[in-house]
N, C-alpha and C. Protein backbone atom coordinates (compact mmCIF):
# COMPACT_ATOMS: atom_id res chain seq x y z
N MET A 1 180.00 59.75 175.38
CA MET A 1 178.06 59.59 174.97
C MET A 1 178.09 58.08 174.77
N GLU A 2 176.72 58.14 175.35
CA GLU A 2 176.03 56.79 175.08
C GLU A 2 175.23 56.70 174.08
N ILE A 3 175.58 55.67 173.77
CA ILE A 3 174.48 54.97 172.51
C ILE A 3 173.90 53.84 172.55
N GLU A 4 172.26 54.06 172.62
CA GLU A 4 171.36 52.74 173.22
C GLU A 4 171.33 52.16 171.84
N LEU A 5 171.28 50.85 172.29
CA LEU A 5 170.92 49.78 171.71
C LEU A 5 169.05 49.46 171.45
N THR A 6 168.14 49.22 170.77
CA THR A 6 166.89 48.99 171.33
C THR A 6 166.90 47.62 170.61
N TYR A 7 165.65 47.01 171.03
CA TYR A 7 165.15 45.58 170.26
C TYR A 7 163.75 45.65 170.74
N ASP A 8 163.19 44.74 169.85
CA ASP A 8 161.89 44.49 169.90
C ASP A 8 161.90 43.18 169.43
N LYS A 9 160.80 42.44 169.82
CA LYS A 9 160.51 40.77 169.93
C LYS A 9 162.04 40.05 169.01
N GLY A 10 162.44 40.52 170.23
CA GLY A 10 164.54 40.24 170.31
C GLY A 10 165.14 39.84 169.13
N LEU A 11 164.89 41.09 168.36
CA LEU A 11 165.46 41.58 167.39
C LEU A 11 166.18 43.33 167.85
N LEU A 12 167.62 43.52 167.41
CA LEU A 12 167.78 44.68 167.43
C LEU A 12 167.40 45.35 166.61
N ARG A 13 166.80 46.61 166.93
CA ARG A 13 165.99 47.92 165.93
C ARG A 13 166.59 48.91 165.89
N SER A 14 167.51 49.22 166.38
CA SER A 14 168.49 50.46 166.59
C SER A 14 169.80 50.25 166.92
N ILE A 15 170.43 51.24 166.63
CA ILE A 15 171.90 51.96 167.47
C ILE A 15 171.69 53.06 167.28
N GLY A 16 171.58 53.58 168.47
CA GLY A 16 171.65 54.91 168.23
C GLY A 16 170.02 55.40 167.81
N SER A 17 170.64 56.53 166.72
CA SER A 17 169.80 56.72 165.72
C SER A 17 169.10 56.18 164.33
N ALA A 18 170.19 55.19 164.20
CA ALA A 18 170.58 54.47 163.19
C ALA A 18 169.50 53.20 163.61
N ALA A 19 168.04 53.11 162.79
CA ALA A 19 167.34 51.97 162.37
C ALA A 19 167.54 51.18 161.55
N ILE A 20 167.10 49.80 162.05
CA ILE A 20 167.90 48.88 161.48
C ILE A 20 166.35 47.78 160.88
N SER A 21 166.06 47.79 159.94
CA SER A 21 164.90 46.91 159.40
C SER A 21 164.78 45.54 158.77
N TYR A 22 163.85 44.84 158.79
CA TYR A 22 163.55 43.83 158.79
C TYR A 22 162.87 43.83 157.50
N GLY A 23 162.30 42.28 156.45
CA GLY A 23 161.57 42.35 155.95
C GLY A 23 160.01 42.12 156.43
N ARG A 24 159.17 41.79 155.53
CA ARG A 24 157.84 42.33 155.58
C ARG A 24 157.24 40.98 156.99
N ARG A 25 157.84 39.68 156.52
CA ARG A 25 157.94 39.06 157.49
C ARG A 25 158.64 38.60 158.51
N GLU A 26 159.18 39.43 159.33
CA GLU A 26 160.09 39.22 160.01
C GLU A 26 159.86 38.21 161.30
N TRP A 27 158.68 37.71 161.67
CA TRP A 27 158.35 36.56 162.39
C TRP A 27 158.73 35.07 161.27
N MET A 28 159.21 35.16 160.49
CA MET A 28 159.84 33.88 159.47
C MET A 28 161.46 34.13 159.19
N ASP A 29 161.26 35.52 159.02
CA ASP A 29 163.17 35.83 158.83
C ASP A 29 163.34 36.78 159.17
N SER A 30 164.36 36.80 160.44
CA SER A 30 164.98 37.71 161.53
C SER A 30 166.09 38.10 160.68
N THR A 31 166.44 38.32 159.42
CA THR A 31 167.48 38.81 158.66
C THR A 31 167.37 40.29 158.25
N PRO A 32 168.34 41.14 159.04
CA PRO A 32 168.24 42.72 158.89
C PRO A 32 168.65 42.62 157.32
N ARG A 33 167.73 44.04 156.80
CA ARG A 33 167.65 44.05 155.36
C ARG A 33 168.27 45.95 155.15
N ALA A 34 168.19 46.84 156.13
CA ALA A 34 168.98 47.78 156.38
C ALA A 34 169.15 48.04 157.54
N VAL A 35 170.61 49.36 157.43
CA VAL A 35 170.82 49.74 158.55
C VAL A 35 170.95 51.17 158.35
N GLY A 36 170.09 52.20 158.86
CA GLY A 36 169.80 53.39 158.37
C GLY A 36 169.56 53.57 156.98
N SER A 37 169.95 54.10 156.36
CA SER A 37 170.03 54.27 154.79
C SER A 37 170.82 53.22 154.01
N TRP A 38 171.55 52.24 154.52
CA TRP A 38 172.73 51.31 154.00
C TRP A 38 171.64 50.00 153.43
N PRO A 39 171.22 50.33 152.38
CA PRO A 39 171.13 48.47 152.42
C PRO A 39 171.57 47.41 152.32
N LEU A 40 171.47 46.32 152.66
CA LEU A 40 172.27 44.94 153.16
C LEU A 40 172.00 44.07 152.00
N GLU A 41 173.15 43.38 151.81
CA GLU A 41 172.94 42.82 150.39
C GLU A 41 173.59 41.32 150.83
N TYR A 42 173.04 40.07 150.95
CA TYR A 42 173.45 39.03 151.23
C TYR A 42 173.32 37.95 150.09
N GLN A 43 174.50 37.25 150.02
CA GLN A 43 174.89 36.21 148.72
C GLN A 43 173.55 35.45 148.37
N ARG A 44 173.13 34.70 147.87
CA ARG A 44 172.19 34.34 146.84
C ARG A 44 171.09 33.03 147.63
N PHE A 45 170.21 32.92 148.32
CA PHE A 45 169.90 31.58 149.31
C PHE A 45 170.99 31.36 150.57
N SER A 46 171.18 32.80 150.94
CA SER A 46 171.55 32.43 151.79
C SER A 46 172.06 33.71 152.86
N SER A 47 172.45 33.66 154.16
CA SER A 47 172.76 34.84 154.94
C SER A 47 173.84 35.25 155.16
N THR A 48 174.92 34.90 154.61
CA THR A 48 176.30 35.39 154.09
C THR A 48 176.05 37.15 153.61
N LEU A 49 176.60 37.69 154.41
CA LEU A 49 176.45 39.14 153.86
C LEU A 49 177.44 39.71 153.35
N ARG A 50 177.47 40.21 152.03
CA ARG A 50 177.87 40.33 150.79
C ARG A 50 178.50 42.20 151.02
N ALA A 51 177.26 42.77 151.59
CA ALA A 51 177.74 44.21 151.13
C ALA A 51 176.77 45.36 152.44
N VAL A 52 177.04 45.94 152.75
CA VAL A 52 176.43 47.00 153.50
C VAL A 52 176.07 48.18 152.62
N GLY A 53 175.48 48.55 152.23
CA GLY A 53 175.47 49.68 151.29
C GLY A 53 176.31 49.49 149.89
N SER A 54 177.37 50.47 149.51
CA SER A 54 178.59 50.01 148.99
C SER A 54 179.57 49.63 149.75
N VAL A 55 179.31 49.32 150.46
CA VAL A 55 180.73 48.21 151.13
C VAL A 55 180.87 46.80 150.84
N GLU A 56 181.88 46.29 150.06
CA GLU A 56 181.40 44.89 150.19
C GLU A 56 182.23 44.17 150.99
N ILE A 57 182.15 42.82 151.57
CA ILE A 57 182.51 41.96 152.59
C ILE A 57 183.00 40.81 151.74
N THR A 58 184.26 40.37 151.79
CA THR A 58 184.69 39.46 151.61
C THR A 58 185.16 38.19 152.47
N TYR A 59 185.23 36.83 152.56
CA TYR A 59 184.93 36.06 153.13
C TYR A 59 186.56 35.00 153.15
N ARG A 60 186.87 34.26 154.02
CA ARG A 60 187.74 33.63 153.86
C ARG A 60 187.28 32.48 153.42
N ARG A 61 188.08 31.32 152.83
CA ARG A 61 187.48 30.31 152.22
C ARG A 61 187.29 29.22 153.34
N ARG A 62 186.17 28.76 153.22
CA ARG A 62 185.35 27.62 153.90
C ARG A 62 184.94 28.43 155.37
N SER A 63 184.94 29.65 155.80
CA SER A 63 184.96 30.43 156.94
C SER A 63 183.88 31.02 156.84
N SER A 64 182.63 31.50 157.92
CA SER A 64 181.93 32.41 158.20
C SER A 64 182.95 33.88 158.63
N LEU A 65 184.05 34.00 158.55
CA LEU A 65 184.95 34.77 158.89
C LEU A 65 185.53 35.42 158.22
N PRO A 66 185.41 37.34 157.70
CA PRO A 66 185.78 38.17 156.62
C PRO A 66 187.11 38.17 156.58
N ARG A 67 187.26 38.42 155.58
CA ARG A 67 189.01 38.34 155.04
C ARG A 67 189.08 40.26 154.86
N THR A 68 188.09 40.63 154.20
CA THR A 68 188.16 42.48 153.51
C THR A 68 186.70 42.78 154.16
N VAL A 69 186.26 43.88 154.44
CA VAL A 69 185.88 45.07 154.32
C VAL A 69 185.43 46.63 154.01
N GLY A 70 185.32 46.50 152.66
CA GLY A 70 185.35 47.85 151.46
C GLY A 70 186.83 47.59 151.40
N GLY A 71 187.88 48.42 152.02
CA GLY A 71 189.39 48.17 151.46
C GLY A 71 189.95 47.97 153.21
N TRP A 72 189.26 47.76 153.91
CA TRP A 72 190.21 47.28 155.09
C TRP A 72 190.11 45.84 155.43
N SER A 73 191.40 45.25 155.97
CA SER A 73 191.65 44.04 155.73
C SER A 73 191.23 43.50 157.41
N CYS A 74 190.89 42.33 157.32
CA CYS A 74 190.03 41.80 158.82
C CYS A 74 191.27 41.04 159.47
N GLU A 75 191.45 40.65 160.81
CA GLU A 75 192.63 39.92 160.83
C GLU A 75 191.41 38.82 161.89
N THR A 76 192.35 37.70 162.13
CA THR A 76 191.58 36.83 163.24
C THR A 76 192.39 36.42 164.30
N SER A 77 192.20 35.70 165.41
CA SER A 77 192.93 34.73 166.14
C SER A 77 194.03 34.21 165.00
N ARG A 78 194.74 33.39 165.91
CA ARG A 78 196.20 32.98 165.57
C ARG A 78 195.37 31.38 164.86
N PHE A 79 194.77 30.90 165.63
CA PHE A 79 194.08 29.73 164.64
C PHE A 79 192.74 29.81 164.07
N GLY A 80 192.44 31.07 163.62
CA GLY A 80 191.25 31.53 163.29
C GLY A 80 189.89 31.35 163.72
N GLY A 81 189.68 31.65 165.08
CA GLY A 81 188.85 31.01 165.41
C GLY A 81 187.98 32.08 165.85
N ARG A 82 188.22 33.47 165.73
CA ARG A 82 187.12 34.69 165.80
C ARG A 82 188.29 35.61 165.80
N LEU A 83 187.33 37.02 165.31
CA LEU A 83 187.72 37.79 164.48
C LEU A 83 188.84 39.23 165.38
N GLU A 84 189.26 39.37 165.40
CA GLU A 84 190.21 40.11 166.28
C GLU A 84 190.83 41.86 165.81
N ARG A 85 190.40 41.93 164.49
CA ARG A 85 190.49 43.79 163.94
C ARG A 85 189.87 43.76 162.51
N ILE A 86 188.91 45.02 162.32
CA ILE A 86 188.65 45.28 161.14
C ILE A 86 189.41 46.57 161.03
N GLY A 87 190.18 46.42 159.77
CA GLY A 87 190.69 47.79 159.43
C GLY A 87 191.36 48.26 160.59
N PRO A 88 191.17 49.64 161.20
CA PRO A 88 191.86 50.17 162.24
C PRO A 88 191.45 50.02 163.48
N TYR A 89 190.33 49.20 163.41
CA TYR A 89 189.40 48.92 164.90
C TYR A 89 189.38 47.89 165.26
N GLU A 90 190.27 47.79 166.52
CA GLU A 90 190.75 46.45 167.38
C GLU A 90 189.40 46.02 167.98
N LEU A 91 189.24 44.68 167.97
CA LEU A 91 188.40 44.22 168.89
C LEU A 91 188.41 43.62 169.74
N MET A 92 187.86 43.83 171.07
CA MET A 92 188.03 43.16 172.63
C MET A 92 187.42 42.38 172.99
N HIS A 93 187.77 41.09 173.51
CA HIS A 93 186.38 40.23 174.23
C HIS A 93 186.70 39.79 175.47
N ASP A 94 185.27 39.63 175.93
CA ASP A 94 185.59 39.71 177.24
C ASP A 94 185.57 37.61 177.47
N GLY A 95 186.26 37.16 178.82
CA GLY A 95 185.83 36.28 179.19
C GLY A 95 184.94 34.95 178.75
N ALA A 96 183.72 35.57 178.13
CA ALA A 96 183.01 34.65 178.00
C ALA A 96 182.88 34.30 176.40
N GLY A 97 183.58 35.54 175.98
CA GLY A 97 183.70 35.43 174.45
C GLY A 97 183.04 36.25 173.68
N ARG A 98 182.18 37.04 174.43
CA ARG A 98 181.65 38.63 173.55
C ARG A 98 182.41 39.26 172.99
N VAL A 99 182.01 40.01 172.43
CA VAL A 99 182.97 41.70 171.99
C VAL A 99 182.76 42.49 173.03
N CYS A 100 183.37 42.88 173.63
CA CYS A 100 183.22 43.68 174.75
C CYS A 100 183.72 45.46 174.17
N ALA A 101 184.58 45.01 173.25
CA ALA A 101 184.73 46.57 172.91
C ALA A 101 185.34 46.44 171.05
N VAL A 102 184.93 47.80 170.86
CA VAL A 102 185.39 47.44 168.98
C VAL A 102 186.10 48.98 168.97
N GLY A 103 187.20 48.99 168.91
CA GLY A 103 188.12 50.47 168.48
C GLY A 103 187.85 51.28 169.72
N PRO A 104 187.28 52.33 170.17
CA PRO A 104 187.32 52.82 171.06
C PRO A 104 185.99 52.61 171.95
N LEU A 105 185.14 52.30 171.60
CA LEU A 105 183.59 52.05 171.79
C LEU A 105 183.62 50.62 172.60
N GLU A 106 183.22 51.18 174.00
CA GLU A 106 182.77 50.23 175.27
C GLU A 106 181.13 49.40 174.84
N ILE A 107 181.35 47.82 174.93
CA ILE A 107 180.45 47.65 175.14
C ILE A 107 179.83 47.09 176.49
N SER A 108 178.45 47.29 176.55
CA SER A 108 177.54 46.96 177.96
C SER A 108 176.50 45.91 177.43
N TYR A 109 176.35 44.87 177.99
CA TYR A 109 175.29 43.50 177.76
C TYR A 109 174.07 43.72 179.02
N ASN A 110 173.43 43.39 178.87
CA ASN A 110 171.55 43.08 179.40
C ASN A 110 172.33 42.14 180.62
N GLY A 111 171.54 42.16 181.84
CA GLY A 111 172.01 41.52 182.98
C GLY A 111 172.00 39.66 182.67
N GLY A 112 171.32 38.90 181.87
CA GLY A 112 171.47 37.64 181.22
C GLY A 112 172.99 37.47 180.12
N GLY A 113 173.30 38.83 179.58
CA GLY A 113 174.29 38.97 178.95
C GLY A 113 174.31 38.15 177.32
N SER A 114 173.16 38.31 177.10
CA SER A 114 172.42 37.89 175.79
C SER A 114 172.17 38.74 174.83
N HIS A 115 172.22 40.07 175.27
CA HIS A 115 172.08 41.61 174.09
C HIS A 115 172.92 42.47 174.84
N PRO A 116 173.87 42.86 173.89
CA PRO A 116 174.17 44.15 173.86
C PRO A 116 173.34 45.37 174.85
N VAL A 117 173.66 46.14 175.10
CA VAL A 117 172.49 47.14 175.29
C VAL A 117 172.57 48.49 174.92
N HIS A 118 173.74 48.92 175.68
CA HIS A 118 174.82 50.05 175.40
C HIS A 118 175.79 50.32 174.82
N VAL A 119 176.54 51.20 174.44
CA VAL A 119 177.70 51.41 173.81
C VAL A 119 178.27 52.67 174.05
N ARG A 120 179.45 52.92 174.71
CA ARG A 120 179.97 53.84 175.27
C ARG A 120 180.98 54.54 174.48
N LEU A 121 181.10 55.64 173.90
CA LEU A 121 182.03 56.44 173.32
C LEU A 121 182.52 57.17 174.14
N PRO A 122 184.16 56.89 174.43
CA PRO A 122 184.77 58.12 175.81
C PRO A 122 184.69 59.78 174.76
N GLY A 123 184.68 60.61 175.32
CA GLY A 123 184.36 61.94 174.76
C GLY A 123 183.42 62.64 174.70
N GLU A 124 183.29 63.68 174.00
CA GLU A 124 182.08 64.63 173.53
C GLU A 124 181.16 64.43 172.51
N ASP A 125 181.78 63.13 171.45
CA ASP A 125 181.28 63.19 170.12
C ASP A 125 179.46 62.99 170.68
N VAL A 126 179.03 64.03 169.82
CA VAL A 126 177.85 63.37 170.10
C VAL A 126 176.60 62.39 168.79
N THR A 127 177.77 62.36 167.91
CA THR A 127 177.22 61.35 166.47
C THR A 127 178.70 60.42 166.54
N LEU A 128 177.77 59.10 166.45
CA LEU A 128 178.43 58.12 165.87
C LEU A 128 179.06 58.23 164.34
N SER A 129 180.21 58.30 164.11
CA SER A 129 180.85 58.14 162.91
C SER A 129 180.47 56.78 162.04
N GLU A 130 180.25 56.99 160.57
CA GLU A 130 179.59 56.17 159.72
C GLU A 130 180.54 54.52 159.77
N ASP A 131 181.90 55.22 159.69
CA ASP A 131 182.91 54.07 160.05
C ASP A 131 182.61 53.10 161.36
N LEU A 132 182.39 53.81 162.38
CA LEU A 132 182.32 53.15 163.14
C LEU A 132 180.77 52.61 163.43
N LEU A 133 179.66 52.94 163.31
CA LEU A 133 178.69 52.38 163.02
C LEU A 133 178.51 51.29 162.50
N LEU A 134 179.56 51.25 160.71
CA LEU A 134 179.48 50.23 159.93
C LEU A 134 180.63 49.21 160.73
N VAL A 135 181.11 49.56 161.40
CA VAL A 135 181.90 47.96 162.32
C VAL A 135 181.44 47.79 163.27
N LEU A 136 180.36 48.61 164.07
CA LEU A 136 179.80 48.00 165.27
C LEU A 136 178.84 46.98 164.76
N PHE A 137 178.09 47.62 163.47
CA PHE A 137 176.85 46.75 163.20
C PHE A 137 177.32 45.39 162.61
N LEU A 138 178.21 45.42 162.06
CA LEU A 138 178.99 43.73 161.57
C LEU A 138 179.02 43.10 162.48
N VAL A 139 179.96 43.60 163.74
CA VAL A 139 180.52 42.82 164.89
C VAL A 139 179.11 42.23 165.45
N LEU A 140 178.22 43.01 166.30
CA LEU A 140 176.90 42.51 166.89
C LEU A 140 176.17 41.77 165.85
N PHE A 141 176.27 41.73 163.81
CA PHE A 141 175.15 41.15 163.43
C PHE A 141 176.24 39.97 163.85
N TRP A 142 177.65 39.70 163.15
CA TRP A 142 178.35 38.51 163.35
C TRP A 142 178.47 37.74 164.35
N GLN A 143 178.25 38.23 165.65
CA GLN A 143 178.40 37.84 166.78
C GLN A 143 177.34 37.17 167.13
N GLN A 144 175.42 37.63 166.80
CA GLN A 144 174.47 37.42 166.51
C GLN A 144 174.54 36.19 165.93
N GLN A 145 175.19 35.94 164.66
CA GLN A 145 174.72 34.74 163.51
C GLN A 145 175.56 33.76 164.45
N ALA A 146 176.40 33.89 165.12
CA ALA A 146 177.55 32.79 165.38
C ALA A 146 176.98 32.20 167.00
N TRP A 147 176.00 33.06 167.77
CA TRP A 147 175.35 32.49 168.71
C TRP A 147 173.87 31.69 168.33
N ASP A 148 173.54 32.33 167.25
CA ASP A 148 172.13 31.36 166.82
C ASP A 148 172.41 30.41 166.15
N ALA A 149 173.49 30.21 165.82
CA ALA A 149 174.16 28.78 165.10
C ALA A 149 174.50 27.91 165.91
N TYR A 150 175.54 28.49 167.39
CA TYR A 150 175.65 27.55 168.24
C TYR A 150 174.00 26.86 169.08
N TYR A 151 173.17 27.83 169.51
CA TYR A 151 171.95 27.42 169.60
C TYR A 151 171.35 26.32 168.97
N GLN A 152 171.14 26.93 167.94
CA GLN A 152 170.37 25.80 166.46
C GLN A 152 171.42 24.44 166.56
N ALA A 153 172.62 24.54 166.96
CA ALA A 153 173.48 22.81 166.90
C ALA A 153 173.11 22.07 168.31
N ASN A 154 172.78 22.97 169.34
CA ASN A 154 172.79 22.39 170.58
C ASN A 154 171.12 22.18 170.96
N ARG A 155 170.33 22.09 170.37
CA ARG A 155 169.15 22.03 170.90
C ARG A 155 168.63 20.50 171.01
């Protein structure tokens, strides 16, 4: 199954049939507010994502890497530089450091490599499970945050 990721004005707008919504002033604040029917909750005065719907997220001390997503634990690389696993879903990275697979999902990027545009799920499934949608959104969200921070620091 092929899942299309759509963008408008540089913002991820959907993952397949799950719409991603933003606040009314998205030109000033590009922080997503909901994925499908799941509201996104952030730490007060911050862009640190604390919950997706009823799924709470905790972070490592002095780090932007998650420790838990709901009841799942998260694993990082040996020196804590990147996320390697969320619960049962292993993350694979390509030579450029981009996430190229989340569990069974294979992620394809556009020609410039800056936006993931398609996700492929092997098999005949016609819908993405809620667990995989949640993990895929989180991985894409955190990856985009890391890229934004990098580009902001190197201006």
